[in-house]
Amino acid sequence: MLDHIGLRTAQFDTLLAFYKAALAPLGYTVMMEYPGAAGIGRDYPDFWIGADDKGGSNIHLAFKTDSRAAVDAFHAAALAHGGKDNGAPGLRDYTPTYYAAFVIDPDGNNLELVCDKA
């Protein structure tokens, strides 16, 4: 089980603003902040962004929700804050109830929000 995950970025302020907006539909807020680092979460800071002049992490991140409306809101917020569409909200072929949206964040990471509820 994971406790937390962190991304490195050469554009800290841009990426922090993006994730604050994109993860707001999940109830995520900045819970801890230090110079060049911020922890975002609901109950505790389980998602971290850290400044690194070497560049970004370039990974796939998938967050989970119980609400298809949150998937829709996530996609809209991410696009409004510098994300690029990588799959509009909708059902996927993975399972009959897999409803997800995908965006590319300002650093090129593939971000997904999935709801596996009918």
C-alpha atoms as a PDB file:
ATOM      1  CA  MET A   1       0.000   0.000   0.000  1.00  0.00           C
ATOM      2  CA  LEU A   2       1.311   3.442  -0.864  1.00  0.00           C
ATOM      3  CA  ASP A   3       1.540   6.168   1.764  1.00  0.00           C
ATOM      4  CA  HIS A   4       2.337   9.057  -0.575  1.00  0.00           C
ATOM      5  CA  ILE A   5       3.751   9.881  -3.980  1.00  0.00           C
ATOM      6  CA  GLY A   6       5.758  12.843  -5.223  1.00  0.00           C
ATOM      7  CA  LEU A   7       6.428  14.555  -8.525  1.00  0.00           C
ATOM      8  CA  ARG A   8       9.521  16.553  -9.435  1.00  0.00           C
ATOM      9  CA  THR A   9       9.149  19.646 -11.587  1.00  0.00           C
ATOM     10  CA  ALA A  10      11.176  22.529 -12.959  1.00  0.00           C
ATOM     11  CA  GLN A  11       8.008  24.675 -12.962  1.00  0.00           C
ATOM     12  CA  PHE A  12       6.859  24.341  -9.363  1.00  0.00           C
ATOM     13  CA  ASP A  13       4.358  27.231  -9.225  1.00  0.00           C
ATOM     14  CA  THR A  14       2.681  26.187 -12.482  1.00  0.00           C
ATOM     15  CA  LEU A  15       2.357  22.539 -11.494  1.00  0.00           C
ATOM     16  CA  LEU A  16       1.136  23.372  -7.987  1.00  0.00           C
ATOM     17  CA  ALA A  17      -1.587  25.663  -9.373  1.00  0.00           C
ATOM     18  CA  PHE A  18      -2.603  22.958 -11.868  1.00  0.00           C
ATOM     19  CA  TYR A  19      -2.931  20.219  -9.240  1.00  0.00           C
ATOM     20  CA  LYS A  20      -4.705  22.476  -6.752  1.00  0.00           C
ATOM     21  CA  ALA A  21      -7.408  23.044  -9.384  1.00  0.00           C
ATOM     22  CA  ALA A  22      -7.486  19.562 -10.921  1.00  0.00           C
ATOM     23  CA  LEU A  23      -7.721  17.739  -7.589  1.00  0.00           C
ATOM     24  CA  ALA A  24     -10.183  20.146  -5.949  1.00  0.00           C
ATOM     25  CA  PRO A  25     -13.160  17.991  -7.097  1.00  0.00           C
ATOM     26  CA  LEU A  26     -11.695  15.209  -4.926  1.00  0.00           C
ATOM     27  CA  GLY A  27     -11.536  17.490  -1.901  1.00  0.00           C
ATOM     28  CA  TYR A  28      -7.748  17.825  -2.122  1.00  0.00           C
ATOM     29  CA  THR A  29      -6.149  20.975  -0.719  1.00  0.00           C
ATOM     30  CA  VAL A  30      -2.606  22.065   0.080  1.00  0.00           C
ATOM     31  CA  MET A  31      -2.017  20.700   3.578  1.00  0.00           C
ATOM     32  CA  MET A  32       1.704  21.381   3.979  1.00  0.00           C
ATOM     33  CA  GLU A  33       3.963  23.811   2.156  1.00  0.00           C
ATOM     34  CA  TYR A  34       7.679  24.506   2.334  1.00  0.00           C
ATOM     35  CA  PRO A  35       9.953  26.468  -0.015  1.00  0.00           C
ATOM     36  CA  GLY A  36       9.920  24.390  -3.203  1.00  0.00           C
ATOM     37  CA  ALA A  37       7.609  21.655  -1.900  1.00  0.00           C
ATOM     38  CA  ALA A  38       3.905  21.205  -1.219  1.00  0.00           C
ATOM     39  CA  GLY A  39       1.856  18.313   0.127  1.00  0.00           C
ATOM     40  CA  ILE A  40      -1.710  17.993  -1.135  1.00  0.00           C
ATOM     41  CA  GLY A  41      -4.381  15.695   0.243  1.00  0.00           C
ATOM     42  CA  ARG A  42      -7.768  15.177   1.859  1.00  0.00           C
ATOM     43  CA  ASP A  43      -6.969  13.607   5.210  1.00  0.00           C
ATOM     44  CA  TYR A  44      -3.185  13.972   5.059  1.00  0.00           C
ATOM     45  CA  PRO A  45      -0.706  15.116   2.374  1.00  0.00           C
ATOM     46  CA  ASP A  46      -0.461  11.987   0.236  1.00  0.00           C
ATOM     47  CA  PHE A  47       0.508  13.760  -2.976  1.00  0.00           C
ATOM     48  CA  TRP A  48       3.639  15.926  -3.099  1.00  0.00           C
ATOM     49  CA  ILE A  49       5.108  18.313  -5.655  1.00  0.00           C
ATOM     50  CA  GLY A  50       8.735  19.316  -5.372  1.00  0.00           C
ATOM     51  CA  ALA A  51      10.908  21.778  -7.245  1.00  0.00           C
ATOM     52  CA  ASP A  52      13.761  20.180  -9.184  1.00  0.00           C
ATOM     53  CA  ASP A  53      15.764  22.041 -11.828  1.00  0.00           C
ATOM     54  CA  LYS A  54      16.411  18.730 -13.645  1.00  0.00           C
ATOM     55  CA  GLY A  55      12.839  18.561 -14.930  1.00  0.00           C
ATOM     56  CA  GLY A  56       9.679  16.568 -14.503  1.00  0.00           C
ATOM     57  CA  SER A  57       8.829  13.023 -13.501  1.00  0.00           C
ATOM     58  CA  ASN A  58       6.957  11.867 -16.657  1.00  0.00           C
ATOM     59  CA  ILE A  59       4.694   9.227 -15.101  1.00  0.00           C
ATOM     60  CA  HIS A  60       1.079   8.040 -15.181  1.00  0.00           C
ATOM     61  CA  LEU A  61      -0.994   8.869 -12.080  1.00  0.00           C
ATOM     62  CA  ALA A  62      -4.496   7.526 -11.513  1.00  0.00           C
ATOM     63  CA  PHE A  63      -6.682   8.876  -8.717  1.00  0.00           C
ATOM     64  CA  LYS A  64      -9.954   7.217  -7.714  1.00  0.00           C
ATOM     65  CA  THR A  65     -13.342   8.700  -6.850  1.00  0.00           C
ATOM     66  CA  ASP A  66     -16.847   7.420  -6.162  1.00  0.00           C
ATOM     67  CA  SER A  67     -18.440  10.116  -8.324  1.00  0.00           C
ATOM     68  CA  ARG A  68     -18.712  10.390 -12.093  1.00  0.00           C
ATOM     69  CA  ALA A  69     -19.510  14.081 -11.601  1.00  0.00           C
ATOM     70  CA  ALA A  70     -16.099  14.473  -9.934  1.00  0.00           C
ATOM     71  CA  VAL A  71     -14.480  12.905 -13.019  1.00  0.00           C
ATOM     72  CA  ASP A  72     -16.238  15.464 -15.213  1.00  0.00           C
ATOM     73  CA  ALA A  73     -15.293  18.361 -12.882  1.00  0.00           C
ATOM     74  CA  PHE A  74     -11.670  17.167 -12.701  1.00  0.00           C
ATOM     75  CA  HIS A  75     -11.378  17.096 -16.499  1.00  0.00           C
ATOM     76  CA  ALA A  76     -12.874  20.574 -16.890  1.00  0.00           C
ATOM     77  CA  ALA A  77     -10.695  22.066 -14.113  1.00  0.00           C
ATOM     78  CA  ALA A  78      -7.535  20.440 -15.466  1.00  0.00           C
ATOM     79  CA  LEU A  79      -8.148  21.779 -18.978  1.00  0.00           C
ATOM     80  CA  ALA A  80      -8.937  25.250 -17.616  1.00  0.00           C
ATOM     81  CA  HIS A  81      -5.617  25.297 -15.740  1.00  0.00           C
ATOM     82  CA  GLY A  82      -3.168  24.277 -18.449  1.00  0.00           C
ATOM     83  CA  GLY A  83      -3.841  20.567 -18.902  1.00  0.00           C
ATOM     84  CA  LYS A  84      -4.196  18.946 -22.324  1.00  0.00           C
ATOM     85  CA  ASP A  85      -6.998  16.533 -23.085  1.00  0.00           C
ATOM     86  CA  ASN A  86      -5.855  12.917 -23.271  1.00  0.00           C
ATOM     87  CA  GLY A  87      -9.303  11.300 -23.097  1.00  0.00           C
ATOM     88  CA  ALA A  88     -12.605  13.014 -22.335  1.00  0.00           C
ATOM     89  CA  PRO A  89     -14.795  11.713 -19.495  1.00  0.00           C
ATOM     90  CA  GLY A  90     -16.578   8.517 -20.418  1.00  0.00           C
ATOM     91  CA  LEU A  91     -16.833   4.773 -20.059  1.00  0.00           C
ATOM     92  CA  ARG A  92     -13.779   2.707 -20.969  1.00  0.00           C
ATOM     93  CA  ASP A  93     -13.473  -0.912 -22.088  1.00  0.00           C
ATOM     94  CA  TYR A  94     -11.477  -1.933 -18.985  1.00  0.00           C
ATOM     95  CA  THR A  95     -14.583  -2.949 -16.985  1.00  0.00           C
ATOM     96  CA  PRO A  96     -18.299  -2.286 -17.589  1.00  0.00           C
ATOM     97  CA  THR A  97     -18.390   0.570 -15.026  1.00  0.00           C
ATOM     98  CA  TYR A  98     -14.909   2.110 -15.566  1.00  0.00           C
ATOM     99  CA  TYR A  99     -15.677   5.813 -16.074  1.00  0.00           C
ATOM    100  CA  ALA A 100     -12.547   7.935 -16.448  1.00  0.00           C
ATOM    101  CA  ALA A 101     -10.945  11.043 -17.887  1.00  0.00           C
ATOM    102  CA  PHE A 102      -7.315  11.630 -18.817  1.00  0.00           C
ATOM    103  CA  VAL A 103      -5.246  14.810 -19.094  1.00  0.00           C
ATOM    104  CA  ILE A 104      -1.599  15.644 -19.632  1.00  0.00           C
ATOM    105  CA  ASP A 105      -0.342  17.997 -16.918  1.00  0.00           C
ATOM    106  CA  PRO A 106       1.959  20.969 -17.686  1.00  0.00           C
ATOM    107  CA  ASP A 107       5.028  18.720 -17.179  1.00  0.00           C
ATOM    108  CA  GLY A 108       3.816  15.946 -19.507  1.00  0.00           C
ATOM    109  CA  ASN A 109       2.569  13.503 -16.846  1.00  0.00           C
ATOM    110  CA  ASN A 110      -0.523  11.495 -17.776  1.00  0.00           C
ATOM    111  CA  LEU A 111      -3.157  12.116 -15.093  1.00  0.00           C
ATOM    112  CA  GLU A 112      -6.319  10.028 -14.781  1.00  0.00           C
ATOM    113  CA  LEU A 113      -9.348  10.148 -12.534  1.00  0.00           C
ATOM    114  CA  VAL A 114     -11.482   7.006 -12.446  1.00  0.00           C
ATOM    115  CA  CYS A 115     -14.868   6.119 -10.992  1.00  0.00           C
ATOM    116  CA  ASP A 116     -15.655   2.403 -11.012  1.00  0.00           C
ATOM    117  CA  LYS A 117     -19.213   2.810  -9.713  1.00  0.00           C
ATOM    118  CA  ALA A 118     -22.309   2.387 -11.871  1.00  0.00           C
END
